[in-house]
Amino acid sequence: MQLIKIKKKTNGKVEQAKLLIALFCLLSNIKLSDTELTVLAYFMVYRINRKTKDLILSSGILKSEDSLKNTMSKLKKFGLLVRSVDSKEYFLRKELDLILSPVMGLLIKVDNS
């Protein structure tokens, strides 16, 4: 197996999360807007809670609570957010539920057999 090494520098955890999510979506054939990627990156970095939702709204990423609900609904539709049956809370799908560290590696296996 050949290994290709690509280095990419990001300017913070949100940008790092956004890059990882964009790669995941590209390989999973999921098309998201830049805003949807940013919202999901915030959820990856800060977790899904009221404080993070307020941060998304106050920073102007989304304009209203309804926009946030619609975005979360779309992310759920694509399977990127999962809703717990018991508590009705949202969680990231397990492949995206990462603890970000300053340096991360990504292993991509491309199989044509």
C-alpha atoms as a PDB file:
ATOM      1  CA  MET A   1       0.000   0.000   0.000  1.00  0.00           C
ATOM      2  CA  GLN A   2       1.303   3.433  -0.934  1.00  0.00           C
ATOM      3  CA  LEU A   3       1.137   6.322   1.481  1.00  0.00           C
ATOM      4  CA  ILE A   4       0.700   9.923   0.370  1.00  0.00           C
ATOM      5  CA  LYS A   5       1.562  12.551   2.953  1.00  0.00           C
ATOM      6  CA  ILE A   6      -0.125  15.951   2.741  1.00  0.00           C
ATOM      7  CA  LYS A   7       0.421  18.643   5.358  1.00  0.00           C
ATOM      8  CA  LYS A   8      -2.188  21.297   6.025  1.00  0.00           C
ATOM      9  CA  LYS A   9      -1.958  24.071   8.621  1.00  0.00           C
ATOM     10  CA  THR A  10      -5.133  25.526  10.096  1.00  0.00           C
ATOM     11  CA  ASN A  11      -5.702  28.649  12.188  1.00  0.00           C
ATOM     12  CA  GLY A  12      -7.599  27.124  15.093  1.00  0.00           C
ATOM     13  CA  LYS A  13      -9.838  24.303  16.229  1.00  0.00           C
ATOM     14  CA  VAL A  14     -12.943  25.434  14.346  1.00  0.00           C
ATOM     15  CA  GLU A  15     -11.027  25.638  11.071  1.00  0.00           C
ATOM     16  CA  GLN A  16      -9.411  22.256  11.802  1.00  0.00           C
ATOM     17  CA  ALA A  17     -12.827  20.700  12.501  1.00  0.00           C
ATOM     18  CA  LYS A  18     -14.254  22.293   9.359  1.00  0.00           C
ATOM     19  CA  LEU A  19     -11.462  20.768   7.257  1.00  0.00           C
ATOM     20  CA  LEU A  20     -12.001  17.292   8.740  1.00  0.00           C
ATOM     21  CA  ILE A  21     -15.759  17.540   8.184  1.00  0.00           C
ATOM     22  CA  ALA A  22     -15.281  18.761   4.597  1.00  0.00           C
ATOM     23  CA  LEU A  23     -13.013  15.790   3.836  1.00  0.00           C
ATOM     24  CA  PHE A  24     -15.487  13.382   5.440  1.00  0.00           C
ATOM     25  CA  CYS A  25     -18.357  14.881   3.432  1.00  0.00           C
ATOM     26  CA  LEU A  26     -16.354  14.796   0.195  1.00  0.00           C
ATOM     27  CA  LEU A  27     -15.582  11.104   0.628  1.00  0.00           C
ATOM     28  CA  SER A  28     -19.149  10.344   1.749  1.00  0.00           C
ATOM     29  CA  ASN A  29     -20.670  12.283  -1.171  1.00  0.00           C
ATOM     30  CA  ILE A  30     -22.476  14.699   1.152  1.00  0.00           C
ATOM     31  CA  LYS A  31     -22.843  18.268  -0.085  1.00  0.00           C
ATOM     32  CA  LEU A  32     -22.993  20.974   2.576  1.00  0.00           C
ATOM     33  CA  SER A  33     -22.836  24.744   2.322  1.00  0.00           C
ATOM     34  CA  ASP A  34     -20.018  26.665   3.969  1.00  0.00           C
ATOM     35  CA  THR A  35     -22.428  27.797   6.700  1.00  0.00           C
ATOM     36  CA  GLU A  36     -23.545  24.226   7.412  1.00  0.00           C
ATOM     37  CA  LEU A  37     -19.899  23.130   7.608  1.00  0.00           C
ATOM     38  CA  THR A  38     -19.185  25.972  10.034  1.00  0.00           C
ATOM     39  CA  VAL A  39     -22.157  25.108  12.266  1.00  0.00           C
ATOM     40  CA  LEU A  40     -21.115  21.461  12.358  1.00  0.00           C
ATOM     41  CA  ALA A  41     -17.522  22.494  13.135  1.00  0.00           C
ATOM     42  CA  TYR A  42     -18.758  24.579  16.081  1.00  0.00           C
ATOM     43  CA  PHE A  43     -20.698  21.549  17.324  1.00  0.00           C
ATOM     44  CA  MET A  44     -17.582  19.397  16.980  1.00  0.00           C
ATOM     45  CA  VAL A  45     -15.396  21.836  18.906  1.00  0.00           C
ATOM     46  CA  TYR A  46     -17.828  23.127  21.545  1.00  0.00           C
ATOM     47  CA  ARG A  47     -20.369  20.244  21.659  1.00  0.00           C
ATOM     48  CA  ILE A  48     -24.084  20.573  21.006  1.00  0.00           C
ATOM     49  CA  ASN A  49     -25.594  22.637  23.796  1.00  0.00           C
ATOM     50  CA  ARG A  50     -27.458  25.889  24.343  1.00  0.00           C
ATOM     51  CA  LYS A  51     -24.247  27.868  24.865  1.00  0.00           C
ATOM     52  CA  THR A  52     -22.872  26.767  21.473  1.00  0.00           C
ATOM     53  CA  LYS A  53     -26.154  27.543  19.755  1.00  0.00           C
ATOM     54  CA  ASP A  54     -26.125  31.021  21.281  1.00  0.00           C
ATOM     55  CA  LEU A  55     -22.515  31.468  20.116  1.00  0.00           C
ATOM     56  CA  ILE A  56     -23.505  30.521  16.549  1.00  0.00           C
ATOM     57  CA  LEU A  57     -26.323  33.084  16.615  1.00  0.00           C
ATOM     58  CA  SER A  58     -24.385  35.877  18.337  1.00  0.00           C
ATOM     59  CA  SER A  59     -21.406  35.531  15.983  1.00  0.00           C
ATOM     60  CA  GLY A  60     -23.702  35.947  12.970  1.00  0.00           C
ATOM     61  CA  ILE A  61     -23.113  32.536  11.417  1.00  0.00           C
ATOM     62  CA  LEU A  62     -26.887  32.109  11.399  1.00  0.00           C
ATOM     63  CA  LYS A  63     -29.403  34.918  11.849  1.00  0.00           C
ATOM     64  CA  SER A  64     -32.245  33.293  13.786  1.00  0.00           C
ATOM     65  CA  GLU A  65     -33.276  30.372  15.935  1.00  0.00           C
ATOM     66  CA  ASP A  66     -35.387  29.091  13.019  1.00  0.00           C
ATOM     67  CA  SER A  67     -32.315  29.065  10.745  1.00  0.00           C
ATOM     68  CA  LEU A  68     -30.459  27.065  13.373  1.00  0.00           C
ATOM     69  CA  LYS A  69     -33.313  24.554  13.658  1.00  0.00           C
ATOM     70  CA  ASN A  70     -33.466  24.192   9.854  1.00  0.00           C
ATOM     71  CA  THR A  71     -29.691  23.689   9.657  1.00  0.00           C
ATOM     72  CA  MET A  72     -29.763  21.076  12.412  1.00  0.00           C
ATOM     73  CA  SER A  73     -32.644  19.327  10.639  1.00  0.00           C
ATOM     74  CA  LYS A  74     -30.629  19.174   7.404  1.00  0.00           C
ATOM     75  CA  LEU A  75     -27.556  17.856   9.241  1.00  0.00           C
ATOM     76  CA  LYS A  76     -29.777  15.204  10.850  1.00  0.00           C
ATOM     77  CA  LYS A  77     -31.206  14.299   7.418  1.00  0.00           C
ATOM     78  CA  PHE A  78     -27.672  13.650   6.131  1.00  0.00           C
ATOM     79  CA  GLY A  79     -26.909  11.544   9.221  1.00  0.00           C
ATOM     80  CA  LEU A  80     -24.270  13.945  10.530  1.00  0.00           C
ATOM     81  CA  LEU A  81     -26.303  14.614  13.670  1.00  0.00           C
ATOM     82  CA  VAL A  82     -28.076  11.839  15.539  1.00  0.00           C
ATOM     83  CA  ARG A  83     -30.953  12.410  17.922  1.00  0.00           C
ATOM     84  CA  SER A  84     -31.099  10.326  21.079  1.00  0.00           C
ATOM     85  CA  VAL A  85     -34.382   8.471  21.497  1.00  0.00           C
ATOM     86  CA  ASP A  86     -34.270   8.732  25.290  1.00  0.00           C
ATOM     87  CA  SER A  87     -33.219  12.323  25.931  1.00  0.00           C
ATOM     88  CA  LYS A  88     -34.185  13.947  22.591  1.00  0.00           C
ATOM     89  CA  GLU A  89     -30.707  15.540  22.487  1.00  0.00           C
ATOM     90  CA  TYR A  90     -28.548  15.739  19.384  1.00  0.00           C
ATOM     91  CA  PHE A  91     -25.094  14.178  19.093  1.00  0.00           C
ATOM     92  CA  LEU A  92     -22.490  14.058  16.338  1.00  0.00           C
ATOM     93  CA  ARG A  93     -22.329  10.791  14.435  1.00  0.00           C
ATOM     94  CA  LYS A  94     -19.600   8.583  15.884  1.00  0.00           C
ATOM     95  CA  GLU A  95     -17.126   9.143  13.005  1.00  0.00           C
ATOM     96  CA  LEU A  96     -17.200  12.889  13.675  1.00  0.00           C
ATOM     97  CA  ASP A  97     -17.286  12.739  17.463  1.00  0.00           C
ATOM     98  CA  LEU A  98     -13.576  13.468  17.838  1.00  0.00           C
ATOM     99  CA  ILE A  99     -11.504  15.137  20.475  1.00  0.00           C
ATOM    100  CA  LEU A 100      -9.419  17.568  18.468  1.00  0.00           C
ATOM    101  CA  SER A 101      -5.727  17.834  19.213  1.00  0.00           C
ATOM    102  CA  PRO A 102      -3.232  20.350  17.775  1.00  0.00           C
ATOM    103  CA  VAL A 103      -1.891  17.789  15.291  1.00  0.00           C
ATOM    104  CA  MET A 104      -4.113  15.111  13.789  1.00  0.00           C
ATOM    105  CA  GLY A 105      -3.622  12.479  11.139  1.00  0.00           C
ATOM    106  CA  LEU A 106      -6.212  11.090   8.777  1.00  0.00           C
ATOM    107  CA  LEU A 107      -6.047   7.642   7.217  1.00  0.00           C
ATOM    108  CA  ILE A 108      -8.028   7.246   4.004  1.00  0.00           C
ATOM    109  CA  LYS A 109      -8.236   3.836   2.393  1.00  0.00           C
ATOM    110  CA  VAL A 110      -9.230   3.823  -1.269  1.00  0.00           C
ATOM    111  CA  ASP A 111     -10.099   0.322  -2.444  1.00  0.00           C
ATOM    112  CA  ASN A 112     -11.001  -0.518  -6.047  1.00  0.00           C
ATOM    113  CA  SER A 113     -11.471  -4.261  -5.615  1.00  0.00           C
END
